[in-house]
């Protein structure tokens, strides 16, 4: 999942998103990769509790370009 961050403080936006992933009812655990650039999560499939869904969260800061006018 890619999150494009256009406004706000990127570290705060990323922290809020990570909290929301962890609060999800199907959240199971952290994945293998957790850095400032990528966070992996493992979720349980709602149709099969033995199946895992692996999700990579990739936040990207895209500030608005400044105009020279």
PDB file of N, CA and C in Angstrom:
ATOM      1  N   UNK A   1       0.851  -1.155   0.000  1.00  0.00           N
ATOM      2  CA  UNK A   1       0.000   0.000   0.000  1.00  0.00           C
ATOM      3  C   UNK A   1       0.902   1.226   0.000  1.00  0.00           C
ATOM      4  N   UNK A   2       0.641   2.129  -0.908  1.00  0.00           N
ATOM      5  CA  UNK A   2       1.417   3.358  -1.001  1.00  0.00           C
ATOM      6  C   UNK A   2       0.579   4.510  -0.459  1.00  0.00           C
ATOM      7  N   UNK A   3       1.172   5.301   0.413  1.00  0.00           N
ATOM      8  CA  UNK A   3       0.522   6.494   0.944  1.00  0.00           C
ATOM      9  C   UNK A   3       1.306   7.704   0.468  1.00  0.00           C
ATOM     10  N   UNK A   4       0.681   8.540  -0.348  1.00  0.00           N
ATOM     11  CA  UNK A   4       1.311   9.766  -0.814  1.00  0.00           C
ATOM     12  C   UNK A   4       0.996  10.877   0.177  1.00  0.00           C
ATOM     13  N   UNK A   5       2.013  11.469   0.760  1.00  0.00           N
ATOM     14  CA  UNK A   5       1.856  12.502   1.779  1.00  0.00           C
ATOM     15  C   UNK A   5       2.157  13.845   1.128  1.00  0.00           C
ATOM     16  N   UNK A   6       1.134  14.664   0.978  1.00  0.00           N
ATOM     17  CA  UNK A   6       1.295  15.968   0.345  1.00  0.00           C
ATOM     18  C   UNK A   6       1.308  17.120   1.346  1.00  0.00           C
ATOM     19  N   UNK A   7       0.774  16.891   2.528  1.00  0.00           N
ATOM     20  CA  UNK A   7       0.748  17.952   3.533  1.00  0.00           C
ATOM     21  C   UNK A   7       0.942  17.333   4.911  1.00  0.00           C
ATOM     22  N   UNK A   8       1.254  18.184   5.862  1.00  0.00           N
ATOM     23  CA  UNK A   8       1.487  17.715   7.216  1.00  0.00           C
ATOM     24  C   UNK A   8       2.943  17.328   7.416  1.00  0.00           C
ATOM     25  N   UNK A   9       3.251  16.941   8.620  1.00  0.00           N
ATOM     26  CA  UNK A   9       4.605  16.497   8.964  1.00  0.00           C
ATOM     27  C   UNK A   9       4.674  15.000   8.646  1.00  0.00           C
ATOM     28  N   UNK A  10       5.514  14.599   7.700  1.00  0.00           N
ATOM     29  CA  UNK A  10       5.523  13.200   7.266  1.00  0.00           C
ATOM     30  C   UNK A  10       5.670  12.182   8.401  1.00  0.00           C
ATOM     31  N   UNK A  11       6.557  12.413   9.343  1.00  0.00           N
ATOM     32  CA  UNK A  11       6.735  11.440  10.427  1.00  0.00           C
ATOM     33  C   UNK A  11       5.466  11.285  11.264  1.00  0.00           C
ATOM     34  N   UNK A  12       4.731  12.371  11.464  1.00  0.00           N
ATOM     35  CA  UNK A  12       3.473  12.296  12.219  1.00  0.00           C
ATOM     36  C   UNK A  12       2.402  11.551  11.429  1.00  0.00           C
ATOM     37  N   UNK A  13       2.321  11.806  10.129  1.00  0.00           N
ATOM     38  CA  UNK A  13       1.339  11.122   9.278  1.00  0.00           C
ATOM     39  C   UNK A  13       1.633   9.623   9.255  1.00  0.00           C
ATOM     40  N   UNK A  14       2.907   9.258   9.118  1.00  0.00           N
ATOM     41  CA  UNK A  14       3.294   7.846   9.090  1.00  0.00           C
ATOM     42  C   UNK A  14       2.962   7.179  10.420  1.00  0.00           C
ATOM     43  N   UNK A  15       3.287   7.826  11.530  1.00  0.00           N
ATOM     44  CA  UNK A  15       2.982   7.259  12.856  1.00  0.00           C
ATOM     45  C   UNK A  15       1.490   7.019  13.030  1.00  0.00           C
ATOM     46  N   UNK A  16       0.660   7.957  12.583  1.00  0.00           N
ATOM     47  CA  UNK A  16      -0.795   7.798  12.688  1.00  0.00           C
ATOM     48  C   UNK A  16      -1.281   6.625  11.843  1.00  0.00           C
ATOM     49  N   UNK A  17      -0.725   6.474  10.640  1.00  0.00           N
ATOM     50  CA  UNK A  17      -1.129   5.375   9.767  1.00  0.00           C
ATOM     51  C   UNK A  17      -0.742   4.030  10.377  1.00  0.00           C
ATOM     52  N   UNK A  18       0.462   3.950  10.943  1.00  0.00           N
ATOM     53  CA  UNK A  18       0.915   2.703  11.564  1.00  0.00           C
ATOM     54  C   UNK A  18      -0.002   2.322  12.725  1.00  0.00           C
ATOM     55  N   UNK A  19      -0.419   3.286  13.514  1.00  0.00           N
ATOM     56  CA  UNK A  19      -1.347   3.016  14.614  1.00  0.00           C
ATOM     57  C   UNK A  19      -2.658   2.444  14.069  1.00  0.00           C
ATOM     58  N   UNK A  20      -3.160   3.011  12.977  1.00  0.00           N
ATOM     59  CA  UNK A  20      -4.421   2.536  12.389  1.00  0.00           C
ATOM     60  C   UNK A  20      -4.290   1.104  11.884  1.00  0.00           C
ATOM     61  N   UNK A  21      -3.137   0.764  11.275  1.00  0.00           N
ATOM     62  CA  UNK A  21      -2.926  -0.626  10.844  1.00  0.00           C
ATOM     63  C   UNK A  21      -2.993  -1.562  12.042  1.00  0.00           C
ATOM     64  N   UNK A  22      -2.326  -1.187  13.126  1.00  0.00           N
ATOM     65  CA  UNK A  22      -2.288  -2.042  14.315  1.00  0.00           C
ATOM     66  C   UNK A  22      -3.648  -2.160  14.997  1.00  0.00           C
ATOM     67  N   UNK A  23      -4.498  -1.166  14.842  1.00  0.00           N
ATOM     68  CA  UNK A  23      -5.836  -1.193  15.451  1.00  0.00           C
ATOM     69  C   UNK A  23      -6.832  -2.005  14.636  1.00  0.00           C
ATOM     70  N   UNK A  24      -6.488  -2.354  13.414  1.00  0.00           N
ATOM     71  CA  UNK A  24      -7.415  -3.087  12.545  1.00  0.00           C
ATOM     72  C   UNK A  24      -7.749  -4.447  13.166  1.00  0.00           C
ATOM     73  N   UNK A  25      -9.017  -4.872  13.129  1.00  0.00           N
ATOM     74  CA  UNK A  25      -9.406  -6.137  13.770  1.00  0.00           C
ATOM     75  C   UNK A  25      -8.690  -7.370  13.205  1.00  0.00           C
ATOM     76  N   UNK A  26      -8.229  -7.311  11.977  1.00  0.00           N
ATOM     77  CA  UNK A  26      -7.539  -8.460  11.375  1.00  0.00           C
ATOM     78  C   UNK A  26      -6.021  -8.409  11.547  1.00  0.00           C
ATOM     79  N   UNK A  27      -5.516  -7.371  12.217  1.00  0.00           N
ATOM     80  CA  UNK A  27      -4.073  -7.248  12.438  1.00  0.00           C
ATOM     81  C   UNK A  27      -3.586  -8.418  13.279  1.00  0.00           C
ATOM     82  N   UNK A  28      -2.481  -9.006  12.822  1.00  0.00           N
ATOM     83  CA  UNK A  28      -1.918 -10.151  13.541  1.00  0.00           C
ATOM     84  C   UNK A  28      -0.571  -9.810  14.174  1.00  0.00           C
ATOM     85  N   UNK A  29       0.336  -9.231  13.370  1.00  0.00           N
ATOM     86  CA  UNK A  29       1.664  -8.900  13.891  1.00  0.00           C
ATOM     87  C   UNK A  29       2.418  -8.037  12.883  1.00  0.00           C
ATOM     88  N   UNK A  30       3.590  -7.553  13.323  1.00  0.00           N
ATOM     89  CA  UNK A  30       4.494  -6.834  12.430  1.00  0.00           C
ATOM     90  C   UNK A  30       5.086  -7.838  11.451  1.00  0.00           C
ATOM     91  N   UNK A  31       5.427  -7.353  10.264  1.00  0.00           N
ATOM     92  CA  UNK A  31       6.112  -8.196   9.299  1.00  0.00           C
ATOM     93  C   UNK A  31       7.611  -8.123   9.509  1.00  0.00           C
ATOM     94  N   UNK A  32       8.358  -8.572   8.503  1.00  0.00           N
ATOM     95  CA  UNK A  32       9.809  -8.648   8.634  1.00  0.00           C
ATOM     96  C   UNK A  32      10.501  -7.310   8.514  1.00  0.00           C
ATOM     97  N   UNK A  33       9.973  -6.418   7.708  1.00  0.00           N
ATOM     98  CA  UNK A  33      10.654  -5.155   7.396  1.00  0.00           C
ATOM     99  C   UNK A  33       9.967  -3.997   8.121  1.00  0.00           C
ATOM    100  N   UNK A  34      10.702  -3.296   8.956  1.00  0.00           N
ATOM    101  CA  UNK A  34      10.184  -2.092   9.603  1.00  0.00           C
ATOM    102  C   UNK A  34      11.314  -1.076   9.597  1.00  0.00           C
ATOM    103  N   UNK A  35      11.190  -0.081   8.725  1.00  0.00           N
ATOM    104  CA  UNK A  35      12.167   1.004   8.643  1.00  0.00           C
ATOM    105  C   UNK A  35      11.393   2.302   8.488  1.00  0.00           C
ATOM    106  N   UNK A  36      12.083   3.403   8.368  1.00  0.00           N
ATOM    107  CA  UNK A  36      11.415   4.671   8.123  1.00  0.00           C
ATOM    108  C   UNK A  36      10.817   4.742   6.737  1.00  0.00           C
ATOM    109  N   UNK A  37      11.259   3.855   5.854  1.00  0.00           N
ATOM    110  CA  UNK A  37      10.787   3.865   4.477  1.00  0.00           C
ATOM    111  C   UNK A  37       9.736   2.809   4.193  1.00  0.00           C
ATOM    112  N   UNK A  38       9.655   1.787   5.027  1.00  0.00           N
ATOM    113  CA  UNK A  38       8.727   0.685   4.773  1.00  0.00           C
ATOM    114  C   UNK A  38       8.334   0.024   6.087  1.00  0.00           C
ATOM    115  N   UNK A  39       7.065  -0.352   6.155  1.00  0.00           N
ATOM    116  CA  UNK A  39       6.551  -1.097   7.305  1.00  0.00           C
ATOM    117  C   UNK A  39       5.780  -2.289   6.758  1.00  0.00           C
ATOM    118  N   UNK A  40       6.098  -3.483   7.233  1.00  0.00           N
ATOM    119  CA  UNK A  40       5.370  -4.686   6.835  1.00  0.00           C
ATOM    120  C   UNK A  40       4.440  -5.102   7.967  1.00  0.00           C
ATOM    121  N   UNK A  41       3.257  -5.560   7.573  1.00  0.00           N
ATOM    122  CA  UNK A  41       2.267  -6.038   8.529  1.00  0.00           C
ATOM    123  C   UNK A  41       1.712  -7.364   8.052  1.00  0.00           C
ATOM    124  N   UNK A  42       1.237  -8.166   8.997  1.00  0.00           N
ATOM    125  CA  UNK A  42       0.578  -9.422   8.674  1.00  0.00           C
ATOM    126  C   UNK A  42      -0.823  -9.363   9.260  1.00  0.00           C
ATOM    127  N   UNK A  43      -1.800  -9.680   8.409  1.00  0.00           N
ATOM    128  CA  UNK A  43      -3.205  -9.692   8.806  1.00  0.00           C
ATOM    129  C   UNK A  43      -3.768 -11.094   8.625  1.00  0.00           C
ATOM    130  N   UNK A  44      -4.838 -11.380   9.335  1.00  0.00           N
ATOM    131  CA  UNK A  44      -5.556 -12.636   9.177  1.00  0.00           C
ATOM    132  C   UNK A  44      -6.674 -12.426   8.169  1.00  0.00           C
ATOM    133  N   UNK A  45      -6.823 -13.369   7.244  1.00  0.00           N
ATOM    134  CA  UNK A  45      -7.921 -13.296   6.284  1.00  0.00           C
ATOM    135  C   UNK A  45      -9.235 -13.542   7.019  1.00  0.00           C
ATOM    136  N   UNK A  46     -10.243 -12.748   6.730  1.00  0.00           N
ATOM    137  CA  UNK A  46     -11.527 -12.907   7.433  1.00  0.00           C
ATOM    138  C   UNK A  46     -12.228 -14.207   7.057  1.00  0.00           C
ATOM    139  N   UNK A  47     -11.989 -14.696   5.845  1.00  0.00           N
ATOM    140  CA  UNK A  47     -12.654 -15.929   5.406  1.00  0.00           C
ATOM    141  C   UNK A  47     -11.934 -17.194   5.866  1.00  0.00           C
ATOM    142  N   UNK A  48     -10.666 -17.079   6.254  1.00  0.00           N
ATOM    143  CA  UNK A  48      -9.886 -18.239   6.672  1.00  0.00           C
ATOM    144  C   UNK A  48      -8.853 -17.799   7.709  1.00  0.00           C
ATOM    145  N   UNK A  49      -9.080 -18.071   8.977  1.00  0.00           N
ATOM    146  CA  UNK A  49      -8.163 -17.610  10.025  1.00  0.00           C
ATOM    147  C   UNK A  49      -6.759 -18.210   9.923  1.00  0.00           C
ATOM    148  N   UNK A  50      -6.583 -19.266   9.135  1.00  0.00           N
ATOM    149  CA  UNK A  50      -5.261 -19.866   8.960  1.00  0.00           C
ATOM    150  C   UNK A  50      -4.477 -19.212   7.826  1.00  0.00           C
ATOM    151  N   UNK A  51      -5.145 -18.369   7.055  1.00  0.00           N
ATOM    152  CA  UNK A  51      -4.475 -17.692   5.947  1.00  0.00           C
ATOM    153  C   UNK A  51      -3.987 -16.320   6.401  1.00  0.00           C
ATOM    154  N   UNK A  52      -2.752 -15.986   6.019  1.00  0.00           N
ATOM    155  CA  UNK A  52      -2.184 -14.680   6.355  1.00  0.00           C
ATOM    156  C   UNK A  52      -2.121 -13.803   5.115  1.00  0.00           C
ATOM    157  N   UNK A  53      -2.393 -12.534   5.319  1.00  0.00           N
ATOM    158  CA  UNK A  53      -2.260 -11.523   4.270  1.00  0.00           C
ATOM    159  C   UNK A  53      -1.099 -10.626   4.671  1.00  0.00           C
ATOM    160  N   UNK A  54      -0.101 -10.553   3.808  1.00  0.00           N
ATOM    161  CA  UNK A  54       1.076  -9.724   4.091  1.00  0.00           C
ATOM    162  C   UNK A  54       0.959  -8.421   3.322  1.00  0.00           C
ATOM    163  N   UNK A  55       1.143  -7.322   4.035  1.00  0.00           N
ATOM    164  CA  UNK A  55       0.980  -6.002   3.450  1.00  0.00           C
ATOM    165  C   UNK A  55       2.235  -5.178   3.699  1.00  0.00           C
ATOM    166  N   UNK A  56       2.722  -4.530   2.655  1.00  0.00           N
ATOM    167  CA  UNK A  56       3.848  -3.608   2.777  1.00  0.00           C
ATOM    168  C   UNK A  56       3.301  -2.195   2.678  1.00  0.00           C
ATOM    169  N   UNK A  57       3.588  -1.386   3.652  1.00  0.00           N
ATOM    170  CA  UNK A  57       3.154   0.015   3.699  1.00  0.00           C
ATOM    171  C   UNK A  57       4.336   0.883   3.308  1.00  0.00           C
ATOM    172  N   UNK A  58       4.176   1.637   2.214  1.00  0.00           N
ATOM    173  CA  UNK A  58       5.247   2.474   1.681  1.00  0.00           C
ATOM    174  C   UNK A  58       4.808   3.932   1.659  1.00  0.00           C
ATOM    175  N   UNK A  59       5.170   4.699   2.669  1.00  0.00           N
ATOM    176  CA  UNK A  59       4.813   6.119   2.664  1.00  0.00           C
ATOM    177  C   UNK A  59       5.776   6.913   1.781  1.00  0.00           C
ATOM    178  N   UNK A  60       5.223   7.837   0.991  1.00  0.00           N
ATOM    179  CA  UNK A  60       6.026   8.670   0.088  1.00  0.00           C
ATOM    180  C   UNK A  60       5.669  10.131   0.303  1.00  0.00           C
ATOM    181  N   UNK A  61       6.652  10.932   0.643  1.00  0.00           N
ATOM    182  CA  UNK A  61       6.431  12.355   0.848  1.00  0.00           C
ATOM    183  C   UNK A  61       6.537  13.065  -0.501  1.00  0.00           C
ATOM    184  N   UNK A  62       5.458  13.700  -0.908  1.00  0.00           N
ATOM    185  CA  UNK A  62       5.408  14.451  -2.170  1.00  0.00           C
ATOM    186  C   UNK A  62       4.980  15.871  -1.864  1.00  0.00           C
ATOM    187  N   UNK A  63       5.904  16.702  -1.450  1.00  0.00           N
ATOM    188  CA  UNK A  63       5.521  18.083  -1.127  1.00  0.00           C
ATOM    189  C   UNK A  63       5.071  18.815  -2.392  1.00  0.00           C
ATOM    190  N   UNK A  64       4.191  19.767  -2.201  1.00  0.00           N
ATOM    191  CA  UNK A  64       3.736  20.580  -3.324  1.00  0.00           C
ATOM    192  C   UNK A  64       4.895  21.429  -3.834  1.00  0.00           C
ATOM    193  N   UNK A  65       5.058  21.504  -5.154  1.00  0.00           N
ATOM    194  CA  UNK A  65       6.136  22.345  -5.675  1.00  0.00           C
ATOM    195  C   UNK A  65       5.870  23.810  -5.375  1.00  0.00           C
ATOM    196  N   UNK A  66       6.911  24.511  -5.075  1.00  0.00           N
ATOM    197  CA  UNK A  66       6.764  25.958  -4.787  1.00  0.00           C
ATOM    198  C   UNK A  66       6.732  26.714  -6.098  1.00  0.00           C
ATOM    199  N   UNK A  67       5.838  27.643  -6.174  1.00  0.00           N
ATOM    200  CA  UNK A  67       5.782  28.475  -7.377  1.00  0.00           C
ATOM    201  C   UNK A  67       6.761  29.635  -7.251  1.00  0.00           C
ATOM    202  N   UNK A  68       7.316  30.066  -8.361  1.00  0.00           N
ATOM    203  CA  UNK A  68       8.285  31.162  -8.370  1.00  0.00           C
ATOM    204  C   UNK A  68       7.633  32.493  -8.708  1.00  0.00           C
ATOM    205  N   UNK A  69       6.322  32.555  -8.666  1.00  0.00           N
ATOM    206  CA  UNK A  69       5.646  33.814  -9.022  1.00  0.00           C
ATOM    207  C   UNK A  69       5.412  34.699  -7.841  1.00  0.00           C
TER     208      UNK A  69
END
